[in-house]
Amino acid sequence: MSAGRWGSTPLAVRCVVAVAVLVFAYGSAVHIVQLLMPQLGPQFALPGWLTVYFTSLTLWDPLAALLLVARRVEGLALGCVVLVTDAAANWYANYVLDPTVGVTPGRIGQAVITALALALVALTPWLAQWFSRSAAQRR
């Protein structure tokens, strides 16, 4: 995050955005690897719509990260949509489609994604103030 665009922003805001960018970068890498190496993906057959959704995250995850780095409010909105829908899709895949009983790596991952989604949604009003200030200063 360049000093010019982020220089006047509090450290706490920069840290939260940096963590969010890292989460989306990690998500991008995971979905790209799963796309290129399907054997590393889910071990059960997914419905076509769910495969399309998970594949689309190879676009939406990096776009959310780039918009956040650019300090665009759209990045916050897209980030919230991506994490909430990713949590829901993983819930469906891990609790509806997967017949396994108990704790699985997929269910742990789904819980982590849900926690990240809740955190970003809860922090977005606070973060948006700083993103809006940036937009107002550019005018």
N, C-alpha and C. Protein backbone atom coordinates (compact mmCIF):
# COMPACT_ATOMS: atom_id res chain seq x y z
N MET A 1 0.86 -1.18 0.00
CA MET A 1 0.00 0.00 0.00
C MET A 1 0.89 1.23 0.00
N SER A 2 0.76 2.03 -1.04
CA SER A 2 1.64 3.18 -1.19
C SER A 2 1.38 4.22 -0.11
N ALA A 3 2.45 4.92 0.24
CA ALA A 3 2.34 5.93 1.30
C ALA A 3 1.42 7.07 0.89
N GLY A 4 1.42 7.43 -0.40
CA GLY A 4 0.59 8.53 -0.87
C GLY A 4 -0.89 8.30 -0.65
N ARG A 5 -1.36 7.14 -1.05
CA ARG A 5 -2.78 6.83 -0.96
C ARG A 5 -3.18 6.47 0.47
N TRP A 6 -2.26 5.89 1.22
CA TRP A 6 -2.56 5.38 2.54
C TRP A 6 -1.87 6.15 3.67
N GLY A 7 -1.07 7.15 3.33
CA GLY A 7 -0.25 7.84 4.32
C GLY A 7 -1.01 8.44 5.49
N SER A 8 -2.16 9.01 5.25
CA SER A 8 -2.92 9.67 6.31
C SER A 8 -3.90 8.73 7.01
N THR A 9 -3.90 7.48 6.63
CA THR A 9 -4.84 6.51 7.19
C THR A 9 -4.26 5.91 8.46
N PRO A 10 -5.08 5.75 9.50
CA PRO A 10 -4.58 5.15 10.75
C PRO A 10 -4.01 3.75 10.53
N LEU A 11 -3.07 3.41 11.34
CA LEU A 11 -2.41 2.11 11.24
C LEU A 11 -3.41 0.97 11.37
N ALA A 12 -4.40 1.10 12.24
CA ALA A 12 -5.39 0.03 12.43
C ALA A 12 -6.15 -0.24 11.13
N VAL A 13 -6.51 0.80 10.41
CA VAL A 13 -7.22 0.65 9.14
C VAL A 13 -6.31 -0.04 8.14
N ARG A 14 -5.06 0.42 8.06
CA ARG A 14 -4.11 -0.20 7.13
C ARG A 14 -3.90 -1.67 7.44
N CYS A 15 -3.83 -2.02 8.71
CA CYS A 15 -3.62 -3.42 9.10
C CYS A 15 -4.82 -4.29 8.73
N VAL A 16 -6.03 -3.80 8.99
CA VAL A 16 -7.23 -4.57 8.64
C VAL A 16 -7.30 -4.77 7.13
N VAL A 17 -7.04 -3.72 6.37
CA VAL A 17 -7.09 -3.84 4.91
C VAL A 17 -5.98 -4.77 4.42
N ALA A 18 -4.81 -4.69 5.01
CA ALA A 18 -3.71 -5.58 4.61
C ALA A 18 -4.07 -7.04 4.86
N VAL A 19 -4.70 -7.31 6.00
CA VAL A 19 -5.12 -8.69 6.29
C VAL A 19 -6.16 -9.14 5.26
N ALA A 20 -7.12 -8.26 4.96
CA ALA A 20 -8.15 -8.61 3.97
C ALA A 20 -7.52 -8.88 2.60
N VAL A 21 -6.56 -8.07 2.21
CA VAL A 21 -5.88 -8.27 0.92
C VAL A 21 -5.16 -9.62 0.93
N LEU A 22 -4.51 -9.95 2.03
CA LEU A 22 -3.83 -11.25 2.13
C LEU A 22 -4.82 -12.41 2.06
N VAL A 23 -5.98 -12.25 2.68
CA VAL A 23 -7.01 -13.29 2.63
C VAL A 23 -7.46 -13.51 1.19
N PHE A 24 -7.69 -12.43 0.47
CA PHE A 24 -8.14 -12.57 -0.91
C PHE A 24 -7.01 -13.08 -1.82
N ALA A 25 -5.79 -12.71 -1.55
CA ALA A 25 -4.65 -13.25 -2.32
C ALA A 25 -4.53 -14.75 -2.08
N TYR A 26 -4.66 -15.17 -0.83
CA TYR A 26 -4.62 -16.59 -0.50
C TYR A 26 -5.77 -17.33 -1.19
N GLY A 27 -6.97 -16.76 -1.11
CA GLY A 27 -8.13 -17.37 -1.77
C GLY A 27 -7.91 -17.50 -3.27
N SER A 28 -7.32 -16.47 -3.88
CA SER A 28 -7.01 -16.52 -5.31
C SER A 28 -6.09 -17.69 -5.61
N ALA A 29 -5.04 -17.82 -4.83
CA ALA A 29 -4.07 -18.90 -5.05
C ALA A 29 -4.72 -20.26 -4.89
N VAL A 30 -5.53 -20.42 -3.85
CA VAL A 30 -6.19 -21.72 -3.61
C VAL A 30 -7.10 -22.08 -4.77
N HIS A 31 -7.91 -21.14 -5.23
CA HIS A 31 -8.85 -21.45 -6.30
C HIS A 31 -8.14 -21.67 -7.63
N ILE A 32 -7.06 -20.97 -7.87
CA ILE A 32 -6.29 -21.20 -9.10
C ILE A 32 -5.64 -22.58 -9.07
N VAL A 33 -5.05 -22.94 -7.93
CA VAL A 33 -4.43 -24.27 -7.81
C VAL A 33 -5.48 -25.35 -7.99
N GLN A 34 -6.66 -25.18 -7.39
CA GLN A 34 -7.71 -26.18 -7.53
C GLN A 34 -8.22 -26.26 -8.97
N LEU A 35 -8.18 -25.14 -9.68
CA LEU A 35 -8.60 -25.14 -11.07
C LEU A 35 -7.57 -25.86 -11.95
N LEU A 36 -6.30 -25.61 -11.69
CA LEU A 36 -5.23 -26.21 -12.49
C LEU A 36 -4.94 -27.65 -12.09
N MET A 37 -5.19 -27.98 -10.83
CA MET A 37 -4.91 -29.33 -10.32
C MET A 37 -6.16 -29.84 -9.61
N PRO A 38 -7.14 -30.33 -10.35
CA PRO A 38 -8.43 -30.72 -9.76
C PRO A 38 -8.30 -31.77 -8.65
N GLN A 39 -7.24 -32.56 -8.68
CA GLN A 39 -7.08 -33.58 -7.64
C GLN A 39 -6.88 -32.95 -6.25
N LEU A 40 -6.52 -31.67 -6.20
CA LEU A 40 -6.36 -30.98 -4.91
C LEU A 40 -7.66 -30.32 -4.45
N GLY A 41 -8.69 -30.41 -5.27
CA GLY A 41 -9.97 -29.80 -4.92
C GLY A 41 -10.82 -30.73 -4.08
N PRO A 42 -12.10 -30.43 -3.96
CA PRO A 42 -13.01 -31.26 -3.17
C PRO A 42 -13.01 -32.71 -3.66
N GLN A 43 -13.14 -33.63 -2.75
CA GLN A 43 -13.08 -35.05 -3.07
C GLN A 43 -14.44 -35.62 -3.46
N PHE A 44 -15.48 -34.84 -3.49
CA PHE A 44 -16.80 -35.32 -3.88
C PHE A 44 -17.28 -34.48 -5.06
N ALA A 45 -18.18 -35.04 -5.84
CA ALA A 45 -18.67 -34.35 -7.04
C ALA A 45 -19.53 -33.15 -6.64
N LEU A 46 -19.23 -32.03 -7.25
CA LEU A 46 -20.00 -30.81 -6.98
C LEU A 46 -21.00 -30.58 -8.10
N PRO A 47 -22.14 -30.00 -7.78
CA PRO A 47 -23.08 -29.61 -8.84
C PRO A 47 -22.41 -28.55 -9.74
N GLY A 48 -22.85 -28.49 -10.97
CA GLY A 48 -22.26 -27.56 -11.93
C GLY A 48 -22.26 -26.12 -11.46
N TRP A 49 -23.37 -25.67 -10.87
CA TRP A 49 -23.46 -24.27 -10.42
C TRP A 49 -22.42 -23.96 -9.35
N LEU A 50 -22.13 -24.95 -8.50
CA LEU A 50 -21.15 -24.73 -7.44
C LEU A 50 -19.73 -24.71 -8.01
N THR A 51 -19.48 -25.56 -8.98
CA THR A 51 -18.18 -25.55 -9.66
C THR A 51 -17.97 -24.21 -10.37
N VAL A 52 -19.01 -23.71 -11.03
CA VAL A 52 -18.91 -22.41 -11.70
C VAL A 52 -18.63 -21.32 -10.67
N TYR A 53 -19.32 -21.36 -9.54
CA TYR A 53 -19.09 -20.34 -8.50
C TYR A 53 -17.65 -20.38 -8.00
N PHE A 54 -17.16 -21.57 -7.61
CA PHE A 54 -15.79 -21.67 -7.10
C PHE A 54 -14.78 -21.26 -8.16
N THR A 55 -15.05 -21.58 -9.42
CA THR A 55 -14.16 -21.16 -10.50
C THR A 55 -14.18 -19.64 -10.66
N SER A 56 -15.34 -19.04 -10.50
CA SER A 56 -15.45 -17.58 -10.64
C SER A 56 -14.64 -16.84 -9.58
N LEU A 57 -14.36 -17.50 -8.47
CA LEU A 57 -13.56 -16.86 -7.42
C LEU A 57 -12.12 -16.60 -7.88
N THR A 58 -11.68 -17.26 -8.96
CA THR A 58 -10.36 -16.96 -9.50
C THR A 58 -10.33 -15.55 -10.08
N LEU A 59 -11.50 -14.99 -10.38
CA LEU A 59 -11.62 -13.60 -10.82
C LEU A 59 -11.96 -12.67 -9.65
N TRP A 60 -12.95 -13.04 -8.85
CA TRP A 60 -13.47 -12.14 -7.81
C TRP A 60 -12.50 -11.93 -6.66
N ASP A 61 -11.78 -12.97 -6.23
CA ASP A 61 -10.81 -12.80 -5.14
C ASP A 61 -9.72 -11.77 -5.48
N PRO A 62 -9.02 -11.92 -6.63
CA PRO A 62 -7.98 -10.93 -6.92
C PRO A 62 -8.55 -9.54 -7.20
N LEU A 63 -9.75 -9.48 -7.78
CA LEU A 63 -10.36 -8.17 -8.03
C LEU A 63 -10.66 -7.46 -6.71
N ALA A 64 -11.18 -8.19 -5.73
CA ALA A 64 -11.44 -7.59 -4.42
C ALA A 64 -10.13 -7.10 -3.80
N ALA A 65 -9.08 -7.89 -3.90
CA ALA A 65 -7.78 -7.49 -3.33
C ALA A 65 -7.27 -6.22 -4.01
N LEU A 66 -7.33 -6.17 -5.33
CA LEU A 66 -6.83 -4.99 -6.06
C LEU A 66 -7.65 -3.74 -5.73
N LEU A 67 -8.96 -3.88 -5.64
CA LEU A 67 -9.80 -2.72 -5.30
C LEU A 67 -9.53 -2.25 -3.88
N LEU A 68 -9.25 -3.16 -2.97
CA LEU A 68 -8.92 -2.75 -1.60
C LEU A 68 -7.59 -2.02 -1.56
N VAL A 69 -6.60 -2.52 -2.28
CA VAL A 69 -5.29 -1.85 -2.33
C VAL A 69 -5.45 -0.45 -2.93
N ALA A 70 -6.35 -0.33 -3.91
CA ALA A 70 -6.60 0.97 -4.55
C ALA A 70 -7.47 1.88 -3.68
N ARG A 71 -7.87 1.38 -2.53
CA ARG A 71 -8.68 2.14 -1.57
C ARG A 71 -10.02 2.56 -2.16
N ARG A 72 -10.66 1.59 -2.80
CA ARG A 72 -11.96 1.82 -3.42
C ARG A 72 -13.05 1.19 -2.55
N VAL A 73 -14.11 1.91 -2.32
CA VAL A 73 -15.23 1.41 -1.52
C VAL A 73 -15.82 0.16 -2.18
N GLU A 74 -15.73 0.10 -3.50
CA GLU A 74 -16.22 -1.07 -4.22
C GLU A 74 -15.49 -2.34 -3.77
N GLY A 75 -14.24 -2.21 -3.37
CA GLY A 75 -13.48 -3.34 -2.87
C GLY A 75 -14.05 -3.88 -1.57
N LEU A 76 -14.50 -2.96 -0.72
CA LEU A 76 -15.15 -3.41 0.53
C LEU A 76 -16.44 -4.15 0.23
N ALA A 77 -17.25 -3.58 -0.67
CA ALA A 77 -18.52 -4.23 -1.02
C ALA A 77 -18.28 -5.59 -1.67
N LEU A 78 -17.38 -5.63 -2.64
CA LEU A 78 -17.09 -6.90 -3.31
C LEU A 78 -16.50 -7.91 -2.32
N GLY A 79 -15.62 -7.45 -1.45
CA GLY A 79 -15.03 -8.34 -0.46
C GLY A 79 -16.08 -8.97 0.43
N CYS A 80 -17.04 -8.17 0.88
CA CYS A 80 -18.12 -8.70 1.72
C CYS A 80 -18.96 -9.72 0.95
N VAL A 81 -19.31 -9.40 -0.29
CA VAL A 81 -20.12 -10.32 -1.11
C VAL A 81 -19.37 -11.62 -1.34
N VAL A 82 -18.09 -11.52 -1.68
CA VAL A 82 -17.29 -12.72 -1.94
C VAL A 82 -17.20 -13.59 -0.70
N LEU A 83 -16.87 -13.00 0.45
CA LEU A 83 -16.70 -13.82 1.65
C LEU A 83 -18.02 -14.43 2.14
N VAL A 84 -19.09 -13.66 2.08
CA VAL A 84 -20.39 -14.18 2.53
C VAL A 84 -20.86 -15.31 1.61
N THR A 85 -20.76 -15.10 0.30
CA THR A 85 -21.19 -16.16 -0.63
C THR A 85 -20.25 -17.36 -0.58
N ASP A 86 -18.95 -17.12 -0.37
CA ASP A 86 -18.00 -18.23 -0.25
C ASP A 86 -18.30 -19.06 1.00
N ALA A 87 -18.63 -18.39 2.09
CA ALA A 87 -19.00 -19.11 3.32
C ALA A 87 -20.26 -19.94 3.08
N ALA A 88 -21.24 -19.36 2.40
CA ALA A 88 -22.48 -20.09 2.12
C ALA A 88 -22.23 -21.27 1.17
N ALA A 89 -21.44 -21.07 0.14
CA ALA A 89 -21.15 -22.15 -0.81
C ALA A 89 -20.37 -23.28 -0.13
N ASN A 90 -19.43 -22.91 0.72
CA ASN A 90 -18.67 -23.93 1.44
C ASN A 90 -19.54 -24.64 2.47
N TRP A 91 -20.49 -23.92 3.07
CA TRP A 91 -21.43 -24.57 3.99
C TRP A 91 -22.22 -25.63 3.23
N TYR A 92 -22.73 -25.27 2.06
CA TYR A 92 -23.51 -26.22 1.26
C TYR A 92 -22.66 -27.42 0.87
N ALA A 93 -21.45 -27.17 0.41
CA ALA A 93 -20.57 -28.26 -0.01
C ALA A 93 -20.18 -29.17 1.16
N ASN A 94 -19.96 -28.58 2.32
CA ASN A 94 -19.44 -29.35 3.45
C ASN A 94 -20.51 -29.95 4.36
N TYR A 95 -21.69 -29.38 4.37
CA TYR A 95 -22.73 -29.90 5.26
C TYR A 95 -23.90 -30.56 4.52
N VAL A 96 -24.16 -30.14 3.29
CA VAL A 96 -25.25 -30.74 2.53
C VAL A 96 -24.74 -31.86 1.63
N LEU A 97 -23.66 -31.58 0.91
CA LEU A 97 -23.16 -32.57 -0.06
C LEU A 97 -22.23 -33.61 0.53
N ASP A 98 -21.50 -33.26 1.57
CA ASP A 98 -20.53 -34.18 2.15
C ASP A 98 -21.20 -35.02 3.23
N PRO A 99 -21.28 -36.34 3.05
CA PRO A 99 -21.97 -37.20 4.02
C PRO A 99 -21.15 -37.50 5.27
N THR A 100 -19.90 -37.05 5.30
CA THR A 100 -19.04 -37.34 6.45
C THR A 100 -19.64 -36.75 7.72
N VAL A 101 -19.51 -37.48 8.81
CA VAL A 101 -19.99 -37.01 10.11
C VAL A 101 -18.81 -36.42 10.88
N GLY A 102 -19.04 -35.34 11.59
CA GLY A 102 -18.00 -34.78 12.45
C GLY A 102 -17.19 -33.69 11.78
N VAL A 103 -16.06 -33.41 12.40
CA VAL A 103 -15.19 -32.33 11.95
C VAL A 103 -14.33 -32.83 10.80
N THR A 104 -14.27 -32.03 9.74
CA THR A 104 -13.44 -32.33 8.58
C THR A 104 -12.62 -31.08 8.25
N PRO A 105 -11.55 -31.22 7.48
CA PRO A 105 -10.79 -30.03 7.08
C PRO A 105 -11.67 -29.01 6.34
N GLY A 106 -12.59 -29.50 5.50
CA GLY A 106 -13.48 -28.59 4.78
C GLY A 106 -14.39 -27.81 5.71
N ARG A 107 -14.85 -28.45 6.77
CA ARG A 107 -15.73 -27.77 7.73
C ARG A 107 -14.96 -26.76 8.56
N ILE A 108 -13.72 -27.08 8.86
CA ILE A 108 -12.87 -26.10 9.56
C ILE A 108 -12.65 -24.89 8.66
N GLY A 109 -12.34 -25.15 7.39
CA GLY A 109 -12.16 -24.06 6.43
C GLY A 109 -13.41 -23.21 6.29
N GLN A 110 -14.56 -23.87 6.26
CA GLN A 110 -15.82 -23.14 6.15
C GLN A 110 -16.03 -22.25 7.36
N ALA A 111 -15.69 -22.73 8.54
CA ALA A 111 -15.82 -21.93 9.76
C ALA A 111 -14.90 -20.71 9.71
N VAL A 112 -13.70 -20.90 9.21
CA VAL A 112 -12.75 -19.78 9.09
C VAL A 112 -13.28 -18.74 8.10
N ILE A 113 -13.78 -19.19 6.95
CA ILE A 113 -14.33 -18.26 5.96
C ILE A 113 -15.52 -17.51 6.54
N THR A 114 -16.36 -18.20 7.30
CA THR A 114 -17.51 -17.55 7.93
C THR A 114 -17.05 -16.48 8.92
N ALA A 115 -16.04 -16.79 9.72
CA ALA A 115 -15.51 -15.80 10.68
C ALA A 115 -14.93 -14.59 9.94
N LEU A 116 -14.21 -14.83 8.87
CA LEU A 116 -13.65 -13.73 8.08
C LEU A 116 -14.76 -12.88 7.46
N ALA A 117 -15.81 -13.54 6.97
CA ALA A 117 -16.95 -12.82 6.39
C ALA A 117 -17.62 -11.94 7.44
N LEU A 118 -17.87 -12.50 8.60
CA LEU A 118 -18.50 -11.72 9.68
C LEU A 118 -17.62 -10.54 10.09
N ALA A 119 -16.32 -10.76 10.17
CA ALA A 119 -15.41 -9.69 10.57
C ALA A 119 -15.40 -8.57 9.54
N LEU A 120 -15.31 -8.92 8.25
CA LEU A 120 -15.28 -7.86 7.23
C LEU A 120 -16.60 -7.11 7.16
N VAL A 121 -17.72 -7.83 7.24
CA VAL A 121 -19.02 -7.17 7.23
C VAL A 121 -19.15 -6.23 8.43
N ALA A 122 -18.72 -6.68 9.59
CA ALA A 122 -18.81 -5.84 10.80
C ALA A 122 -17.90 -4.62 10.73
N LEU A 123 -16.73 -4.76 10.12
CA LEU A 123 -15.76 -3.66 10.06
C LEU A 123 -15.97 -2.72 8.88
N THR A 124 -16.78 -3.12 7.92
CA THR A 124 -16.95 -2.31 6.71
C THR A 124 -17.46 -0.89 6.98
N PRO A 125 -18.44 -0.67 7.85
CA PRO A 125 -18.86 0.72 8.09
C PRO A 125 -17.71 1.60 8.60
N TRP A 126 -16.90 1.06 9.48
CA TRP A 126 -15.75 1.80 10.02
C TRP A 126 -14.71 2.04 8.92
N LEU A 127 -14.42 1.00 8.14
CA LEU A 127 -13.44 1.13 7.06
C LEU A 127 -13.92 2.07 5.98
N ALA A 128 -15.21 2.02 5.66
CA ALA A 128 -15.76 2.83 4.56
C ALA A 128 -15.56 4.31 4.80
N GLN A 129 -15.57 4.73 6.06
CA GLN A 129 -15.33 6.15 6.37
C GLN A 129 -13.98 6.60 5.84
N TRP A 130 -12.96 5.74 6.01
CA TRP A 130 -11.62 6.07 5.57
C TRP A 130 -11.49 5.96 4.06
N PHE A 131 -12.21 5.05 3.46
CA PHE A 131 -12.20 4.92 2.01
C PHE A 131 -12.91 6.13 1.40
N SER A 132 -14.01 6.58 2.02
CA SER A 132 -14.75 7.74 1.52
C SER A 132 -13.92 9.01 1.62
N ARG A 133 -13.16 9.14 2.68
CA ARG A 133 -12.30 10.32 2.82
C ARG A 133 -11.30 10.38 1.69
N SER A 134 -10.81 9.24 1.31
CA SER A 134 -9.85 9.18 0.21
C SER A 134 -10.51 9.67 -1.08
N ALA A 135 -11.76 9.24 -1.34
CA ALA A 135 -12.46 9.64 -2.55
C ALA A 135 -12.74 11.14 -2.54
N ALA A 136 -13.13 11.67 -1.37
CA ALA A 136 -13.42 13.10 -1.26
C ALA A 136 -12.15 13.93 -1.47
N GLN A 137 -11.02 13.45 -0.99
CA GLN A 137 -9.76 14.18 -1.15
C GLN A 137 -9.30 14.19 -2.59
N ARG A 138 -9.66 13.17 -3.38
CA ARG A 138 -9.22 13.09 -4.78
C ARG A 138 -9.99 14.05 -5.66
N ARG A 139 -11.14 14.54 -5.21
CA ARG A 139 -11.97 15.44 -6.04
C ARG A 139 -11.46 16.84 -6.03
